[in-house]
Amino acid sequence: MRRISKVKVLPGYRLELEFDDGVSGTVDLSEAVGKGVFALWQDPLAFDQVRIGSSGELAWGDRIDLCPDALYLKVTGKKPEDIFPALRDQPTHA
């Protein structure tokens, strides 16, 4: 599991992230703003309150947290089986 080691808020609901393996990049979270729990982000000041949680996830208070692995996939463009090789051995049908 990857962990986020640094986060910087950028304009337009974007975040610059750095992971524990040195990979860095930008994620655009603007598509989520106003939807469900992400209604909190309609206030840009609330979005700016992002922090890194104890498991390396991104968190906004106790209402929102984002998985570091999912963000790693967004930053790198990789597929889940690229970072979790055991998934390659799983059958593709039920």
C-alpha atoms as a PDB file:
ATOM      1  CA  MET A   1       0.000   0.000   0.000  1.00  0.00           C
ATOM      2  CA  ARG A   2       1.284   3.431  -0.919  1.00  0.00           C
ATOM      3  CA  ARG A   3       1.283   6.356   1.478  1.00  0.00           C
ATOM      4  CA  ILE A   4       1.088  10.035   0.657  1.00  0.00           C
ATOM      5  CA  SER A   5       4.040  11.886   2.170  1.00  0.00           C
ATOM      6  CA  LYS A   6       3.323  15.445   0.934  1.00  0.00           C
ATOM      7  CA  VAL A   7       0.270  17.338  -0.275  1.00  0.00           C
ATOM      8  CA  LYS A   8      -0.019  20.860  -1.666  1.00  0.00           C
ATOM      9  CA  VAL A   9      -3.312  22.508  -2.585  1.00  0.00           C
ATOM     10  CA  LEU A  10      -3.408  24.028  -6.072  1.00  0.00           C
ATOM     11  CA  PRO A  11      -6.085  26.219  -7.688  1.00  0.00           C
ATOM     12  CA  GLY A  12      -9.137  24.572  -9.237  1.00  0.00           C
ATOM     13  CA  TYR A  13      -9.557  21.726  -6.724  1.00  0.00           C
ATOM     14  CA  ARG A  14      -6.249  20.158  -7.695  1.00  0.00           C
ATOM     15  CA  LEU A  15      -3.656  18.652  -5.392  1.00  0.00           C
ATOM     16  CA  GLU A  16       0.041  18.097  -5.896  1.00  0.00           C
ATOM     17  CA  LEU A  17       0.938  14.802  -4.219  1.00  0.00           C
ATOM     18  CA  GLU A  18       4.147  13.027  -3.352  1.00  0.00           C
ATOM     19  CA  PHE A  19       4.144   9.368  -2.343  1.00  0.00           C
ATOM     20  CA  ASP A  20       6.477   7.404  -0.088  1.00  0.00           C
ATOM     21  CA  ASP A  21       8.218   5.835  -3.106  1.00  0.00           C
ATOM     22  CA  GLY A  22       9.132   9.260  -4.543  1.00  0.00           C
ATOM     23  CA  VAL A  23       6.415   9.314  -7.227  1.00  0.00           C
ATOM     24  CA  SER A  24       4.748  12.713  -7.498  1.00  0.00           C
ATOM     25  CA  GLY A  25       2.044  14.268  -9.602  1.00  0.00           C
ATOM     26  CA  THR A  26      -1.170  16.244  -9.670  1.00  0.00           C
ATOM     27  CA  VAL A  27      -4.745  15.044  -9.248  1.00  0.00           C
ATOM     28  CA  ASP A  28      -7.794  17.029 -10.277  1.00  0.00           C
ATOM     29  CA  LEU A  29     -10.705  16.469  -7.886  1.00  0.00           C
ATOM     30  CA  SER A  30     -12.977  19.167  -9.359  1.00  0.00           C
ATOM     31  CA  GLU A  31     -15.387  16.596 -10.828  1.00  0.00           C
ATOM     32  CA  ALA A  32     -16.383  15.479  -7.315  1.00  0.00           C
ATOM     33  CA  VAL A  33     -17.133  18.948  -5.907  1.00  0.00           C
ATOM     34  CA  GLY A  34     -20.746  19.258  -4.773  1.00  0.00           C
ATOM     35  CA  LYS A  35     -21.561  15.546  -5.101  1.00  0.00           C
ATOM     36  CA  GLY A  36     -22.583  13.632  -1.969  1.00  0.00           C
ATOM     37  CA  VAL A  37     -20.086  14.081   0.856  1.00  0.00           C
ATOM     38  CA  PHE A  38     -18.005  16.255  -1.458  1.00  0.00           C
ATOM     39  CA  ALA A  39     -20.589  19.043  -1.062  1.00  0.00           C
ATOM     40  CA  LEU A  40     -18.253  20.143   1.739  1.00  0.00           C
ATOM     41  CA  TRP A  41     -15.776  21.246  -0.935  1.00  0.00           C
ATOM     42  CA  GLN A  42     -18.177  23.832  -2.367  1.00  0.00           C
ATOM     43  CA  ASP A  43     -16.488  26.038   0.181  1.00  0.00           C
ATOM     44  CA  PRO A  44     -12.942  26.360  -1.216  1.00  0.00           C
ATOM     45  CA  LEU A  45     -11.641  27.070   2.281  1.00  0.00           C
ATOM     46  CA  ALA A  46     -12.882  23.635   3.374  1.00  0.00           C
ATOM     47  CA  PHE A  47     -11.009  21.990   0.485  1.00  0.00           C
ATOM     48  CA  ASP A  48      -7.845  23.804   1.565  1.00  0.00           C
ATOM     49  CA  GLN A  49      -8.034  22.036   4.955  1.00  0.00           C
ATOM     50  CA  VAL A  50      -6.734  18.748   3.521  1.00  0.00           C
ATOM     51  CA  ARG A  51      -4.291  16.807   5.673  1.00  0.00           C
ATOM     52  CA  ILE A  52      -2.466  13.495   5.495  1.00  0.00           C
ATOM     53  CA  GLY A  53      -4.036  10.887   7.766  1.00  0.00           C
ATOM     54  CA  SER A  54      -2.285   8.270   9.888  1.00  0.00           C
ATOM     55  CA  SER A  55      -2.470   5.654   7.106  1.00  0.00           C
ATOM     56  CA  GLY A  56      -1.139   7.979   4.407  1.00  0.00           C
ATOM     57  CA  GLU A  57      -4.583   8.875   3.082  1.00  0.00           C
ATOM     58  CA  LEU A  58      -5.920  12.356   2.405  1.00  0.00           C
ATOM     59  CA  ALA A  59      -8.476  13.535   4.933  1.00  0.00           C
ATOM     60  CA  TRP A  60     -10.786  16.465   5.462  1.00  0.00           C
ATOM     61  CA  GLY A  61     -11.810  16.344   9.098  1.00  0.00           C
ATOM     62  CA  ASP A  62     -13.721  13.193   9.925  1.00  0.00           C
ATOM     63  CA  ARG A  63     -16.067  13.505   6.936  1.00  0.00           C
ATOM     64  CA  ILE A  64     -13.933  12.699   3.890  1.00  0.00           C
ATOM     65  CA  ASP A  65     -10.916  10.511   3.287  1.00  0.00           C
ATOM     66  CA  LEU A  66      -9.392   9.358   0.012  1.00  0.00           C
ATOM     67  CA  CYS A  67      -7.441   6.133  -0.415  1.00  0.00           C
ATOM     68  CA  PRO A  68      -3.766   6.694  -1.232  1.00  0.00           C
ATOM     69  CA  ASP A  69      -3.729   3.692  -3.598  1.00  0.00           C
ATOM     70  CA  ALA A  70      -6.584   5.121  -5.682  1.00  0.00           C
ATOM     71  CA  LEU A  71      -4.805   8.471  -5.853  1.00  0.00           C
ATOM     72  CA  TYR A  72      -1.555   6.724  -6.816  1.00  0.00           C
ATOM     73  CA  LEU A  73      -3.370   5.089  -9.736  1.00  0.00           C
ATOM     74  CA  LYS A  74      -4.700   8.500 -10.838  1.00  0.00           C
ATOM     75  CA  VAL A  75      -1.252  10.090 -10.650  1.00  0.00           C
ATOM     76  CA  THR A  76       0.588   7.291 -12.446  1.00  0.00           C
ATOM     77  CA  GLY A  77      -2.096   6.116 -14.881  1.00  0.00           C
ATOM     78  CA  LYS A  78      -1.421   2.546 -13.762  1.00  0.00           C
ATOM     79  CA  LYS A  79      -3.995  -0.219 -13.354  1.00  0.00           C
ATOM     80  CA  PRO A  80      -4.647  -1.930  -9.993  1.00  0.00           C
ATOM     81  CA  GLU A  81      -2.877  -5.113 -11.107  1.00  0.00           C
ATOM     82  CA  ASP A  82       0.242  -3.051 -11.850  1.00  0.00           C
ATOM     83  CA  ILE A  83       0.698  -2.184  -8.178  1.00  0.00           C
ATOM     84  CA  PHE A  84      -0.999  -5.286  -6.741  1.00  0.00           C
ATOM     85  CA  PRO A  85       0.492  -8.184  -8.749  1.00  0.00           C
ATOM     86  CA  ALA A  86      -1.671 -10.750  -6.945  1.00  0.00           C
ATOM     87  CA  LEU A  87      -4.669  -9.357  -8.844  1.00  0.00           C
ATOM     88  CA  ARG A  88      -3.224 -10.742 -12.089  1.00  0.00           C
ATOM     89  CA  ASP A  89      -3.796 -14.264 -10.811  1.00  0.00           C
ATOM     90  CA  GLN A  90      -7.503 -13.713 -10.156  1.00  0.00           C
ATOM     91  CA  PRO A  91     -10.057 -15.242 -12.519  1.00  0.00           C
ATOM     92  CA  THR A  92     -11.836 -12.683 -14.682  1.00  0.00           C
ATOM     93  CA  HIS A  93     -15.248 -14.345 -14.279  1.00  0.00           C
ATOM     94  CA  ALA A  94     -17.421 -15.127 -11.303  1.00  0.00           C
END
